Amino acid sequence: MTETPPERTGDTFPAPDREKRHQFGAGGPTSIVLVGMMGAGKSAVGRRLARRLGWDLLDSDRQVEAMTGRTVPEIWRTDGEPAFRKLESQVLADALASTTPKVIAAAGGVVLDEGNRRLLTLHHPVVWLRAPVETLITRVRRGEGRPLLDDDPAAAMTRLEAERRPLYQEVADLVLDVDNDHPADHVTERLVQALGLSDAARS
């Protein structure tokens, strides 16, 4: 049984049993995947990290919207969750198959699909932005534009985080603890240092 890392806000450390995967070769990684709950800061950190490295940014939800010409809530209302999850999986597979260096801000629910988890465990590195439930609730309090949170955001977030936590753990090479006391710029700097990308990604 894999041991879950302790809750130590502000820490960065390899996920259990992932030390051997946390190696990128002389050329460094060709892309970095950020996973975590909605509200963890994947898009905000992803934008800053991509700009810092001079890479492209692929935001999963925005890519789905660009492909379909509809917003995520519209897709949920008209086509349902299974259709959205299929698009989500397609975006992830296409992004991981690309050789263009990029930062991928993966959708929060991408780890629900076993096939997606298999893809992610073959990719290096996958970084889990792990935030306390209280932080997540504060950041997405109203639930607007987030179909899974429309009725009771606090209760839904607590349930979803408990369900998804072991799945993020399964795919993560690196766990980066985040909270409201650490702005996205600070989180990005910690991530660059943890992955040793300051020089490798710019060469």
N, C-alpha and C. Protein backbone atom coordinates (compact mmCIF):
# COMPACT_ATOMS: atom_id res chain seq x y z
N MET A 1 0.84 -1.19 0.00
CA MET A 1 0.00 0.00 0.00
C MET A 1 0.88 1.25 0.00
N THR A 2 0.62 2.19 -0.92
CA THR A 2 1.42 3.39 -1.03
C THR A 2 1.08 4.36 0.09
N GLU A 3 2.11 4.87 0.73
CA GLU A 3 1.91 5.81 1.82
C GLU A 3 1.66 7.20 1.26
N THR A 4 0.65 7.88 1.76
CA THR A 4 0.33 9.23 1.33
C THR A 4 1.23 10.22 2.03
N PRO A 5 1.83 11.20 1.30
CA PRO A 5 2.69 12.17 1.94
C PRO A 5 1.94 12.96 3.00
N PRO A 6 2.61 13.41 4.03
CA PRO A 6 1.95 14.18 5.08
C PRO A 6 1.51 15.53 4.56
N GLU A 7 0.52 16.15 5.22
CA GLU A 7 0.08 17.49 4.87
C GLU A 7 1.10 18.47 5.43
N ARG A 8 1.95 18.99 4.56
CA ARG A 8 2.96 19.95 4.99
C ARG A 8 2.91 21.10 4.01
N THR A 9 2.06 22.07 4.28
CA THR A 9 1.84 23.17 3.38
C THR A 9 3.14 23.89 3.06
N GLY A 10 3.39 24.11 1.75
CA GLY A 10 4.57 24.81 1.31
C GLY A 10 5.71 23.88 0.93
N ASP A 11 5.58 22.59 1.15
CA ASP A 11 6.63 21.64 0.83
C ASP A 11 6.53 21.17 -0.62
N THR A 12 7.65 20.68 -1.10
CA THR A 12 7.72 20.06 -2.41
C THR A 12 8.53 18.79 -2.25
N PHE A 13 8.02 17.66 -2.72
CA PHE A 13 8.77 16.42 -2.56
C PHE A 13 8.28 15.38 -3.55
N PRO A 14 9.14 14.42 -3.92
CA PRO A 14 8.71 13.37 -4.83
C PRO A 14 7.58 12.56 -4.22
N ALA A 15 6.63 12.17 -5.05
CA ALA A 15 5.57 11.30 -4.58
C ALA A 15 6.17 9.94 -4.25
N PRO A 16 5.59 9.20 -3.29
CA PRO A 16 6.10 7.89 -2.94
C PRO A 16 6.19 6.99 -4.16
N ASP A 17 7.28 6.20 -4.25
CA ASP A 17 7.50 5.24 -5.31
C ASP A 17 7.69 5.89 -6.67
N ARG A 18 7.96 7.22 -6.71
CA ARG A 18 8.13 7.88 -7.99
C ARG A 18 9.55 8.40 -8.19
N GLU A 19 10.48 8.08 -7.27
CA GLU A 19 11.81 8.65 -7.36
C GLU A 19 12.47 8.31 -8.70
N LYS A 20 12.31 7.09 -9.18
CA LYS A 20 12.95 6.69 -10.43
C LYS A 20 12.32 7.39 -11.64
N ARG A 21 11.05 7.74 -11.51
CA ARG A 21 10.40 8.43 -12.62
C ARG A 21 10.79 9.90 -12.64
N HIS A 22 11.27 10.41 -11.52
CA HIS A 22 11.60 11.83 -11.41
C HIS A 22 12.99 12.07 -12.00
N GLN A 23 13.20 11.60 -13.25
CA GLN A 23 14.45 11.75 -13.97
C GLN A 23 14.07 12.05 -15.41
N PHE A 24 14.69 13.08 -16.00
CA PHE A 24 14.24 13.54 -17.30
C PHE A 24 15.28 13.39 -18.40
N GLY A 25 16.45 12.95 -18.06
CA GLY A 25 17.48 12.81 -19.07
C GLY A 25 18.21 14.13 -19.29
N ALA A 26 19.26 14.08 -20.12
CA ALA A 26 20.11 15.24 -20.32
C ALA A 26 19.36 16.41 -20.93
N GLY A 27 18.37 16.13 -21.76
CA GLY A 27 17.65 17.20 -22.43
C GLY A 27 16.51 17.78 -21.63
N GLY A 28 16.22 17.22 -20.47
CA GLY A 28 15.10 17.70 -19.67
C GLY A 28 13.78 17.20 -20.24
N PRO A 29 12.68 17.52 -19.56
CA PRO A 29 11.36 17.07 -20.01
C PRO A 29 10.92 17.83 -21.25
N THR A 30 10.08 17.20 -22.06
CA THR A 30 9.52 17.89 -23.23
C THR A 30 8.21 18.56 -22.90
N SER A 31 7.60 18.18 -21.81
CA SER A 31 6.39 18.85 -21.34
C SER A 31 6.21 18.53 -19.86
N ILE A 32 5.40 19.36 -19.21
CA ILE A 32 5.12 19.20 -17.79
C ILE A 32 3.61 19.22 -17.62
N VAL A 33 3.08 18.25 -16.89
CA VAL A 33 1.64 18.17 -16.67
C VAL A 33 1.32 18.57 -15.24
N LEU A 34 0.40 19.49 -15.09
CA LEU A 34 -0.08 19.89 -13.77
C LEU A 34 -1.44 19.28 -13.53
N VAL A 35 -1.58 18.55 -12.44
CA VAL A 35 -2.87 17.96 -12.09
C VAL A 35 -3.27 18.46 -10.71
N GLY A 36 -4.54 18.32 -10.41
CA GLY A 36 -5.05 18.74 -9.11
C GLY A 36 -6.49 19.17 -9.22
N MET A 37 -7.07 19.45 -8.08
CA MET A 37 -8.47 19.84 -8.02
C MET A 37 -8.70 21.21 -8.64
N MET A 38 -9.94 21.47 -9.05
CA MET A 38 -10.32 22.81 -9.46
C MET A 38 -10.06 23.76 -8.31
N GLY A 39 -9.44 24.88 -8.62
CA GLY A 39 -9.09 25.83 -7.58
C GLY A 39 -7.68 25.66 -7.03
N ALA A 40 -6.98 24.62 -7.47
CA ALA A 40 -5.62 24.40 -6.98
C ALA A 40 -4.62 25.38 -7.58
N GLY A 41 -5.00 26.00 -8.71
CA GLY A 41 -4.11 26.98 -9.34
C GLY A 41 -3.38 26.47 -10.56
N LYS A 42 -3.89 25.42 -11.18
CA LYS A 42 -3.20 24.84 -12.34
C LYS A 42 -3.07 25.85 -13.49
N SER A 43 -4.14 26.56 -13.79
CA SER A 43 -4.09 27.52 -14.90
C SER A 43 -3.17 28.69 -14.58
N ALA A 44 -3.28 29.22 -13.37
CA ALA A 44 -2.46 30.37 -12.99
C ALA A 44 -0.97 30.01 -12.96
N VAL A 45 -0.65 28.88 -12.35
CA VAL A 45 0.74 28.44 -12.30
C VAL A 45 1.21 28.04 -13.69
N GLY A 46 0.33 27.38 -14.44
CA GLY A 46 0.69 26.95 -15.79
C GLY A 46 1.07 28.12 -16.67
N ARG A 47 0.30 29.21 -16.61
CA ARG A 47 0.61 30.40 -17.42
C ARG A 47 1.98 30.96 -17.07
N ARG A 48 2.24 31.06 -15.79
CA ARG A 48 3.52 31.62 -15.36
C ARG A 48 4.69 30.70 -15.68
N LEU A 49 4.49 29.40 -15.51
CA LEU A 49 5.55 28.45 -15.79
C LEU A 49 5.87 28.42 -17.29
N ALA A 50 4.83 28.43 -18.13
CA ALA A 50 5.05 28.44 -19.57
C ALA A 50 5.80 29.69 -20.00
N ARG A 51 5.42 30.82 -19.45
CA ARG A 51 6.09 32.07 -19.79
C ARG A 51 7.54 32.04 -19.31
N ARG A 52 7.76 31.51 -18.13
CA ARG A 52 9.11 31.44 -17.56
C ARG A 52 10.02 30.57 -18.43
N LEU A 53 9.49 29.47 -18.94
CA LEU A 53 10.29 28.52 -19.72
C LEU A 53 10.31 28.82 -21.21
N GLY A 54 9.42 29.71 -21.66
CA GLY A 54 9.32 29.99 -23.08
C GLY A 54 8.62 28.87 -23.83
N TRP A 55 7.73 28.16 -23.14
CA TRP A 55 6.99 27.04 -23.73
C TRP A 55 5.56 27.46 -24.02
N ASP A 56 4.85 26.60 -24.78
CA ASP A 56 3.42 26.79 -24.98
C ASP A 56 2.67 26.35 -23.72
N LEU A 57 1.47 26.89 -23.55
CA LEU A 57 0.57 26.45 -22.48
C LEU A 57 -0.65 25.82 -23.11
N LEU A 58 -1.02 24.64 -22.63
CA LEU A 58 -2.27 24.02 -23.03
C LEU A 58 -3.13 23.87 -21.80
N ASP A 59 -4.21 24.63 -21.74
CA ASP A 59 -5.19 24.53 -20.67
C ASP A 59 -6.31 23.62 -21.16
N SER A 60 -6.50 22.49 -20.49
CA SER A 60 -7.42 21.47 -20.98
C SER A 60 -8.83 21.99 -21.22
N ASP A 61 -9.38 22.70 -20.26
CA ASP A 61 -10.75 23.20 -20.42
C ASP A 61 -10.85 24.19 -21.58
N ARG A 62 -9.85 25.08 -21.68
CA ARG A 62 -9.88 26.07 -22.77
C ARG A 62 -9.73 25.38 -24.13
N GLN A 63 -8.94 24.29 -24.17
CA GLN A 63 -8.76 23.56 -25.41
C GLN A 63 -10.06 22.86 -25.83
N VAL A 64 -10.77 22.29 -24.87
CA VAL A 64 -12.06 21.68 -25.16
C VAL A 64 -13.02 22.72 -25.71
N GLU A 65 -13.03 23.89 -25.11
CA GLU A 65 -13.91 24.96 -25.58
C GLU A 65 -13.54 25.42 -26.98
N ALA A 66 -12.24 25.47 -27.27
CA ALA A 66 -11.79 25.87 -28.61
C ALA A 66 -12.18 24.83 -29.65
N MET A 67 -12.10 23.56 -29.28
CA MET A 67 -12.45 22.47 -30.20
C MET A 67 -13.94 22.45 -30.53
N THR A 68 -14.76 22.76 -29.55
CA THR A 68 -16.21 22.60 -29.71
C THR A 68 -16.93 23.91 -29.99
N GLY A 69 -16.29 25.04 -29.69
CA GLY A 69 -16.97 26.31 -29.84
C GLY A 69 -18.02 26.55 -28.78
N ARG A 70 -17.95 25.79 -27.68
CA ARG A 70 -18.91 25.92 -26.58
C ARG A 70 -18.16 25.96 -25.26
N THR A 71 -18.79 26.53 -24.24
CA THR A 71 -18.18 26.54 -22.93
C THR A 71 -18.36 25.17 -22.26
N VAL A 72 -17.55 24.94 -21.23
CA VAL A 72 -17.67 23.68 -20.50
C VAL A 72 -19.07 23.50 -19.91
N PRO A 73 -19.67 24.52 -19.25
CA PRO A 73 -21.04 24.34 -18.74
C PRO A 73 -22.05 24.02 -19.84
N GLU A 74 -21.87 24.61 -21.02
CA GLU A 74 -22.78 24.32 -22.13
C GLU A 74 -22.67 22.86 -22.57
N ILE A 75 -21.44 22.37 -22.63
CA ILE A 75 -21.24 20.97 -23.02
C ILE A 75 -21.90 20.04 -22.02
N TRP A 76 -21.73 20.34 -20.74
CA TRP A 76 -22.36 19.51 -19.70
C TRP A 76 -23.88 19.53 -19.83
N ARG A 77 -24.44 20.70 -20.07
CA ARG A 77 -25.90 20.81 -20.14
C ARG A 77 -26.48 20.09 -21.37
N THR A 78 -25.83 20.23 -22.49
CA THR A 78 -26.39 19.69 -23.73
C THR A 78 -25.98 18.25 -24.02
N ASP A 79 -24.73 17.90 -23.69
CA ASP A 79 -24.21 16.57 -24.05
C ASP A 79 -24.02 15.64 -22.86
N GLY A 80 -23.91 16.20 -21.67
CA GLY A 80 -23.73 15.39 -20.48
C GLY A 80 -22.27 15.17 -20.12
N GLU A 81 -22.05 14.68 -18.92
CA GLU A 81 -20.69 14.47 -18.43
C GLU A 81 -19.89 13.47 -19.26
N PRO A 82 -20.46 12.30 -19.67
CA PRO A 82 -19.66 11.35 -20.44
C PRO A 82 -19.07 11.96 -21.71
N ALA A 83 -19.83 12.80 -22.40
CA ALA A 83 -19.33 13.43 -23.62
C ALA A 83 -18.19 14.38 -23.29
N PHE A 84 -18.34 15.13 -22.20
CA PHE A 84 -17.26 16.03 -21.82
C PHE A 84 -16.01 15.26 -21.44
N ARG A 85 -16.16 14.16 -20.70
CA ARG A 85 -14.99 13.38 -20.30
C ARG A 85 -14.26 12.81 -21.51
N LYS A 86 -15.01 12.46 -22.54
CA LYS A 86 -14.39 11.94 -23.76
C LYS A 86 -13.53 13.02 -24.43
N LEU A 87 -14.06 14.23 -24.48
CA LEU A 87 -13.30 15.34 -25.05
C LEU A 87 -12.06 15.63 -24.20
N GLU A 88 -12.23 15.56 -22.90
CA GLU A 88 -11.13 15.77 -21.96
C GLU A 88 -10.00 14.78 -22.21
N SER A 89 -10.38 13.52 -22.42
CA SER A 89 -9.38 12.48 -22.68
C SER A 89 -8.69 12.70 -24.02
N GLN A 90 -9.44 13.13 -25.01
CA GLN A 90 -8.86 13.38 -26.32
C GLN A 90 -7.82 14.50 -26.25
N VAL A 91 -8.15 15.55 -25.53
CA VAL A 91 -7.23 16.68 -25.39
C VAL A 91 -5.94 16.22 -24.70
N LEU A 92 -6.07 15.43 -23.64
CA LEU A 92 -4.89 14.95 -22.93
C LEU A 92 -4.02 14.08 -23.83
N ALA A 93 -4.63 13.13 -24.53
CA ALA A 93 -3.87 12.23 -25.39
C ALA A 93 -3.14 13.00 -26.48
N ASP A 94 -3.81 13.95 -27.09
CA ASP A 94 -3.18 14.75 -28.15
C ASP A 94 -2.01 15.57 -27.60
N ALA A 95 -2.21 16.14 -26.41
CA ALA A 95 -1.16 16.96 -25.82
C ALA A 95 0.07 16.14 -25.47
N LEU A 96 -0.14 14.95 -24.91
CA LEU A 96 1.00 14.12 -24.53
C LEU A 96 1.70 13.52 -25.74
N ALA A 97 0.99 13.40 -26.86
CA ALA A 97 1.60 12.84 -28.06
C ALA A 97 2.45 13.87 -28.81
N SER A 98 2.22 15.13 -28.51
CA SER A 98 2.94 16.20 -29.19
C SER A 98 4.38 16.28 -28.71
N THR A 99 5.30 16.63 -29.61
CA THR A 99 6.70 16.79 -29.24
C THR A 99 7.06 18.25 -28.97
N THR A 100 6.10 19.14 -29.11
CA THR A 100 6.34 20.55 -28.82
C THR A 100 6.38 20.77 -27.31
N PRO A 101 7.44 21.36 -26.79
CA PRO A 101 7.51 21.60 -25.34
C PRO A 101 6.32 22.43 -24.87
N LYS A 102 5.66 21.97 -23.83
CA LYS A 102 4.49 22.70 -23.35
C LYS A 102 4.23 22.39 -21.88
N VAL A 103 3.51 23.29 -21.25
CA VAL A 103 2.97 23.06 -19.92
C VAL A 103 1.49 22.72 -20.11
N ILE A 104 1.06 21.61 -19.54
CA ILE A 104 -0.31 21.14 -19.69
C ILE A 104 -1.03 21.30 -18.36
N ALA A 105 -2.01 22.20 -18.34
CA ALA A 105 -2.87 22.35 -17.16
C ALA A 105 -4.05 21.41 -17.35
N ALA A 106 -3.94 20.20 -16.80
CA ALA A 106 -4.95 19.17 -17.04
C ALA A 106 -6.23 19.45 -16.28
N ALA A 107 -7.34 19.03 -16.83
CA ALA A 107 -8.63 19.19 -16.18
C ALA A 107 -8.64 18.43 -14.86
N GLY A 108 -9.35 18.95 -13.87
CA GLY A 108 -9.36 18.34 -12.55
C GLY A 108 -9.82 16.89 -12.54
N GLY A 109 -10.77 16.56 -13.43
CA GLY A 109 -11.32 15.21 -13.45
C GLY A 109 -10.63 14.26 -14.40
N VAL A 110 -9.51 14.68 -14.98
CA VAL A 110 -8.87 13.84 -15.99
C VAL A 110 -8.39 12.51 -15.41
N VAL A 111 -8.13 12.48 -14.10
CA VAL A 111 -7.63 11.25 -13.48
C VAL A 111 -8.72 10.22 -13.22
N LEU A 112 -9.97 10.57 -13.46
CA LEU A 112 -11.06 9.62 -13.22
C LEU A 112 -11.03 8.46 -14.20
N ASP A 113 -10.49 8.69 -15.38
CA ASP A 113 -10.45 7.67 -16.42
C ASP A 113 -9.17 6.85 -16.29
N GLU A 114 -9.32 5.54 -16.27
CA GLU A 114 -8.16 4.66 -16.09
C GLU A 114 -7.17 4.81 -17.23
N GLY A 115 -7.68 4.97 -18.46
CA GLY A 115 -6.80 5.14 -19.60
C GLY A 115 -5.97 6.41 -19.49
N ASN A 116 -6.58 7.47 -19.00
CA ASN A 116 -5.84 8.71 -18.79
C ASN A 116 -4.75 8.52 -17.74
N ARG A 117 -5.06 7.80 -16.70
CA ARG A 117 -4.06 7.57 -15.65
C ARG A 117 -2.89 6.76 -16.20
N ARG A 118 -3.18 5.81 -17.06
CA ARG A 118 -2.09 5.03 -17.66
C ARG A 118 -1.17 5.94 -18.48
N LEU A 119 -1.77 6.83 -19.26
CA LEU A 119 -0.97 7.77 -20.05
C LEU A 119 -0.11 8.65 -19.16
N LEU A 120 -0.70 9.13 -18.08
CA LEU A 120 0.02 10.04 -17.20
C LEU A 120 1.17 9.34 -16.49
N THR A 121 0.99 8.07 -16.12
CA THR A 121 2.06 7.37 -15.42
C THR A 121 3.23 7.05 -16.36
N LEU A 122 3.01 7.15 -17.66
CA LEU A 122 4.09 6.95 -18.64
C LEU A 122 4.79 8.26 -18.98
N HIS A 123 4.26 9.35 -18.47
CA HIS A 123 4.79 10.67 -18.81
C HIS A 123 5.55 11.25 -17.63
N HIS A 124 6.60 12.01 -17.92
CA HIS A 124 7.41 12.62 -16.87
C HIS A 124 7.63 14.10 -17.19
N PRO A 125 7.48 15.00 -16.30
CA PRO A 125 6.93 14.80 -14.96
C PRO A 125 5.45 15.21 -14.89
N VAL A 126 4.76 14.62 -13.93
CA VAL A 126 3.39 15.01 -13.59
C VAL A 126 3.45 15.60 -12.19
N VAL A 127 2.98 16.83 -12.06
CA VAL A 127 3.06 17.55 -10.78
C VAL A 127 1.66 17.74 -10.22
N TRP A 128 1.46 17.29 -9.01
CA TRP A 128 0.17 17.45 -8.33
C TRP A 128 0.22 18.70 -7.48
N LEU A 129 -0.59 19.69 -7.82
CA LEU A 129 -0.75 20.87 -6.98
C LEU A 129 -1.80 20.52 -5.94
N ARG A 130 -1.33 20.24 -4.74
CA ARG A 130 -2.21 19.74 -3.68
C ARG A 130 -2.56 20.87 -2.72
N ALA A 131 -3.83 21.20 -2.67
CA ALA A 131 -4.31 22.27 -1.81
C ALA A 131 -5.26 21.72 -0.76
N PRO A 132 -5.25 22.30 0.44
CA PRO A 132 -6.23 21.90 1.45
C PRO A 132 -7.65 22.17 0.95
N VAL A 133 -8.57 21.35 1.39
CA VAL A 133 -9.96 21.51 0.97
C VAL A 133 -10.46 22.91 1.30
N GLU A 134 -10.08 23.44 2.44
CA GLU A 134 -10.53 24.78 2.83
C GLU A 134 -10.08 25.84 1.81
N THR A 135 -8.87 25.67 1.29
CA THR A 135 -8.37 26.60 0.28
C THR A 135 -9.17 26.46 -1.01
N LEU A 136 -9.43 25.25 -1.41
CA LEU A 136 -10.19 25.01 -2.63
C LEU A 136 -11.59 25.61 -2.53
N ILE A 137 -12.23 25.41 -1.40
CA ILE A 137 -13.59 25.93 -1.20
C ILE A 137 -13.58 27.45 -1.29
N THR A 138 -12.59 28.07 -0.67
CA THR A 138 -12.49 29.53 -0.71
C THR A 138 -12.35 30.04 -2.14
N ARG A 139 -11.55 29.34 -2.92
CA ARG A 139 -11.25 29.80 -4.28
C ARG A 139 -12.40 29.59 -5.25
N VAL A 140 -13.23 28.60 -5.00
CA VAL A 140 -14.33 28.31 -5.94
C VAL A 140 -15.66 28.37 -5.20
N ARG A 141 -15.77 29.28 -4.28
CA ARG A 141 -16.91 29.33 -3.35
C ARG A 141 -18.26 29.33 -4.06
N ARG A 142 -18.39 30.10 -5.12
CA ARG A 142 -19.69 30.24 -5.76
C ARG A 142 -20.00 29.09 -6.72
N GLY A 143 -18.99 28.43 -7.24
CA GLY A 143 -19.23 27.31 -8.13
C GLY A 143 -19.67 27.71 -9.51
N GLU A 144 -19.61 28.99 -9.82
CA GLU A 144 -20.08 29.46 -11.12
C GLU A 144 -19.19 28.93 -12.24
N GLY A 145 -19.82 28.38 -13.27
CA GLY A 145 -19.07 27.84 -14.38
C GLY A 145 -18.46 26.49 -14.11
N ARG A 146 -18.76 25.91 -12.97
CA ARG A 146 -18.22 24.59 -12.59
C ARG A 146 -19.40 23.67 -12.30
N PRO A 147 -19.80 22.88 -13.29
CA PRO A 147 -21.03 22.08 -13.18
C PRO A 147 -21.12 21.19 -11.95
N LEU A 148 -20.00 20.64 -11.50
CA LEU A 148 -20.04 19.72 -10.36
C LEU A 148 -20.28 20.42 -9.04
N LEU A 149 -20.18 21.75 -9.01
CA LEU A 149 -20.29 22.50 -7.76
C LEU A 149 -21.53 23.35 -7.66
N ASP A 150 -22.41 23.28 -8.63
CA ASP A 150 -23.53 24.22 -8.71
C ASP A 150 -24.45 24.21 -7.49
N ASP A 151 -24.76 23.05 -6.94
CA ASP A 151 -25.75 22.97 -5.87
C ASP A 151 -25.20 23.35 -4.50
N ASP A 152 -24.10 22.72 -4.09
CA ASP A 152 -23.51 22.97 -2.78
C ASP A 152 -21.99 22.87 -2.93
N PRO A 153 -21.34 23.97 -3.32
CA PRO A 153 -19.90 23.93 -3.61
C PRO A 153 -19.05 23.34 -2.50
N ALA A 154 -19.30 23.71 -1.25
CA ALA A 154 -18.46 23.23 -0.15
C ALA A 154 -18.57 21.72 0.03
N ALA A 155 -19.79 21.21 0.06
CA ALA A 155 -19.99 19.77 0.24
C ALA A 155 -19.45 18.99 -0.96
N ALA A 156 -19.71 19.51 -2.16
CA ALA A 156 -19.25 18.84 -3.37
C ALA A 156 -17.73 18.80 -3.44
N MET A 157 -17.10 19.91 -3.09
CA MET A 157 -15.64 19.96 -3.13
C MET A 157 -15.03 18.98 -2.15
N THR A 158 -15.58 18.89 -0.96
CA THR A 158 -15.07 17.96 0.05
C THR A 158 -15.17 16.52 -0.44
N ARG A 159 -16.30 16.19 -1.03
CA ARG A 159 -16.49 14.82 -1.54
C ARG A 159 -15.56 14.53 -2.72
N LEU A 160 -15.48 15.45 -3.66
CA LEU A 160 -14.66 15.24 -4.85
C LEU A 160 -13.18 15.12 -4.50
N GLU A 161 -12.73 15.96 -3.57
CA GLU A 161 -11.31 15.91 -3.19
C GLU A 161 -10.97 14.56 -2.57
N ALA A 162 -11.86 14.04 -1.73
CA ALA A 162 -11.61 12.74 -1.10
C ALA A 162 -11.57 11.63 -2.15
N GLU A 163 -12.44 11.72 -3.15
CA GLU A 163 -12.49 10.70 -4.20
C GLU A 163 -11.26 10.75 -5.10
N ARG A 164 -10.80 11.94 -5.40
CA ARG A 164 -9.73 12.09 -6.39
C ARG A 164 -8.33 12.05 -5.81
N ARG A 165 -8.22 12.30 -4.53
CA ARG A 165 -6.89 12.36 -3.91
C ARG A 165 -6.03 11.13 -4.22
N PRO A 166 -6.52 9.91 -4.03
CA PRO A 166 -5.65 8.76 -4.34
C PRO A 166 -5.32 8.63 -5.82
N LEU A 167 -6.17 9.18 -6.68
CA LEU A 167 -5.90 9.12 -8.12
C LEU A 167 -4.80 10.11 -8.52
N TYR A 168 -4.82 11.29 -7.92
CA TYR A 168 -3.72 12.22 -8.17
C TYR A 168 -2.41 11.62 -7.65
N GLN A 169 -2.50 10.99 -6.48
CA GLN A 169 -1.32 10.36 -5.90
C GLN A 169 -0.76 9.29 -6.82
N GLU A 170 -1.66 8.57 -7.48
CA GLU A 170 -1.24 7.48 -8.36
C GLU A 170 -0.40 7.97 -9.53
N VAL A 171 -0.72 9.13 -10.06
CA VAL A 171 -0.05 9.58 -11.29
C VAL A 171 1.07 10.57 -11.04
N ALA A 172 1.19 11.11 -9.83
CA ALA A 172 2.11 12.21 -9.59
C ALA A 172 3.56 11.76 -9.42
N ASP A 173 4.46 12.50 -10.07
CA ASP A 173 5.89 12.37 -9.82
C ASP A 173 6.31 13.27 -8.67
N LEU A 174 5.63 14.42 -8.59
CA LEU A 174 6.00 15.43 -7.62
C LEU A 174 4.74 16.00 -6.99
N VAL A 175 4.76 16.21 -5.68
CA VAL A 175 3.65 16.81 -4.96
C VAL A 175 4.09 18.21 -4.51
N LEU A 176 3.30 19.21 -4.90
CA LEU A 176 3.62 20.58 -4.52
C LEU A 176 2.45 21.13 -3.72
N ASP A 177 2.67 21.35 -2.43
CA ASP A 177 1.61 21.85 -1.56
C ASP A 177 1.41 23.35 -1.80
N VAL A 178 0.16 23.74 -1.96
CA VAL A 178 -0.18 25.14 -2.21
C VAL A 178 -1.30 25.57 -1.27
N ASP A 179 -1.37 26.88 -1.01
CA ASP A 179 -2.47 27.40 -0.21
C ASP A 179 -2.61 28.89 -0.51
N ASN A 180 -3.52 29.55 0.18
CA ASN A 180 -3.79 30.96 -0.10
C ASN A 180 -2.67 31.89 0.36
N ASP A 181 -1.73 31.38 1.14
CA ASP A 181 -0.62 32.21 1.60
C ASP A 181 0.53 32.27 0.59
N HIS A 182 0.44 31.44 -0.46
CA HIS A 182 1.52 31.38 -1.45
C HIS A 182 0.97 31.74 -2.83
N PRO A 183 1.30 32.94 -3.35
CA PRO A 183 0.80 33.35 -4.66
C PRO A 183 1.37 32.49 -5.77
N ALA A 184 0.74 32.57 -6.93
CA ALA A 184 1.13 31.72 -8.06
C ALA A 184 2.59 31.93 -8.47
N ASP A 185 3.09 33.16 -8.36
CA ASP A 185 4.49 33.41 -8.71
C ASP A 185 5.43 32.62 -7.80
N HIS A 186 5.10 32.58 -6.52
CA HIS A 186 5.92 31.85 -5.56
C HIS A 186 5.86 30.35 -5.84
N VAL A 187 4.68 29.85 -6.12
CA VAL A 187 4.51 28.42 -6.43
C VAL A 187 5.29 28.06 -7.68
N THR A 188 5.24 28.92 -8.68
CA THR A 188 5.96 28.66 -9.92
C THR A 188 7.46 28.59 -9.69
N GLU A 189 7.98 29.49 -8.89
CA GLU A 189 9.41 29.49 -8.60
C GLU A 189 9.82 28.21 -7.88
N ARG A 190 9.02 27.78 -6.93
CA ARG A 190 9.32 26.52 -6.23
C ARG A 190 9.31 25.35 -7.19
N LEU A 191 8.38 25.37 -8.13
CA LEU A 191 8.27 24.26 -9.08
C LEU A 191 9.48 24.23 -10.01
N VAL A 192 9.89 25.37 -10.51
CA VAL A 192 11.07 25.44 -11.38
C VAL A 192 12.30 24.89 -10.65
N GLN A 193 12.46 25.29 -9.40
CA GLN A 193 13.60 24.82 -8.63
C GLN A 193 13.52 23.31 -8.35
N ALA A 194 12.32 22.85 -8.02
CA ALA A 194 12.15 21.42 -7.69
C ALA A 194 12.45 20.53 -8.88
N LEU A 195 12.10 21.00 -10.08
CA LEU A 195 12.31 20.20 -11.28
C LEU A 195 13.68 20.46 -11.92
N GLY A 196 14.42 21.41 -11.37
CA GLY A 196 15.74 21.70 -11.91
C GLY A 196 15.69 22.23 -13.33
N LEU A 197 14.69 23.08 -13.60
CA LEU A 197 14.45 23.53 -14.97
C LEU A 197 15.03 24.90 -15.28
N SER A 198 15.60 25.57 -14.33
CA SER A 198 16.06 26.93 -14.55
C SER A 198 16.98 27.04 -15.75
N ASP A 199 17.90 26.09 -15.89
CA ASP A 199 18.83 26.14 -17.01
C ASP A 199 18.46 25.17 -18.12
N ALA A 200 18.01 23.95 -17.74
CA ALA A 200 17.76 22.90 -18.73
C ALA A 200 16.73 23.31 -19.76
N ALA A 201 15.62 23.94 -19.31
CA ALA A 201 14.54 24.25 -20.22
C ALA A 201 14.86 25.40 -21.14
N ARG A 202 15.87 26.19 -20.81
CA ARG A 202 16.19 27.35 -21.63
C ARG A 202 17.25 27.05 -22.65
N SER A 203 17.93 25.92 -22.51
CA SER A 203 19.06 25.62 -23.41
C SER A 203 18.55 25.15 -24.75
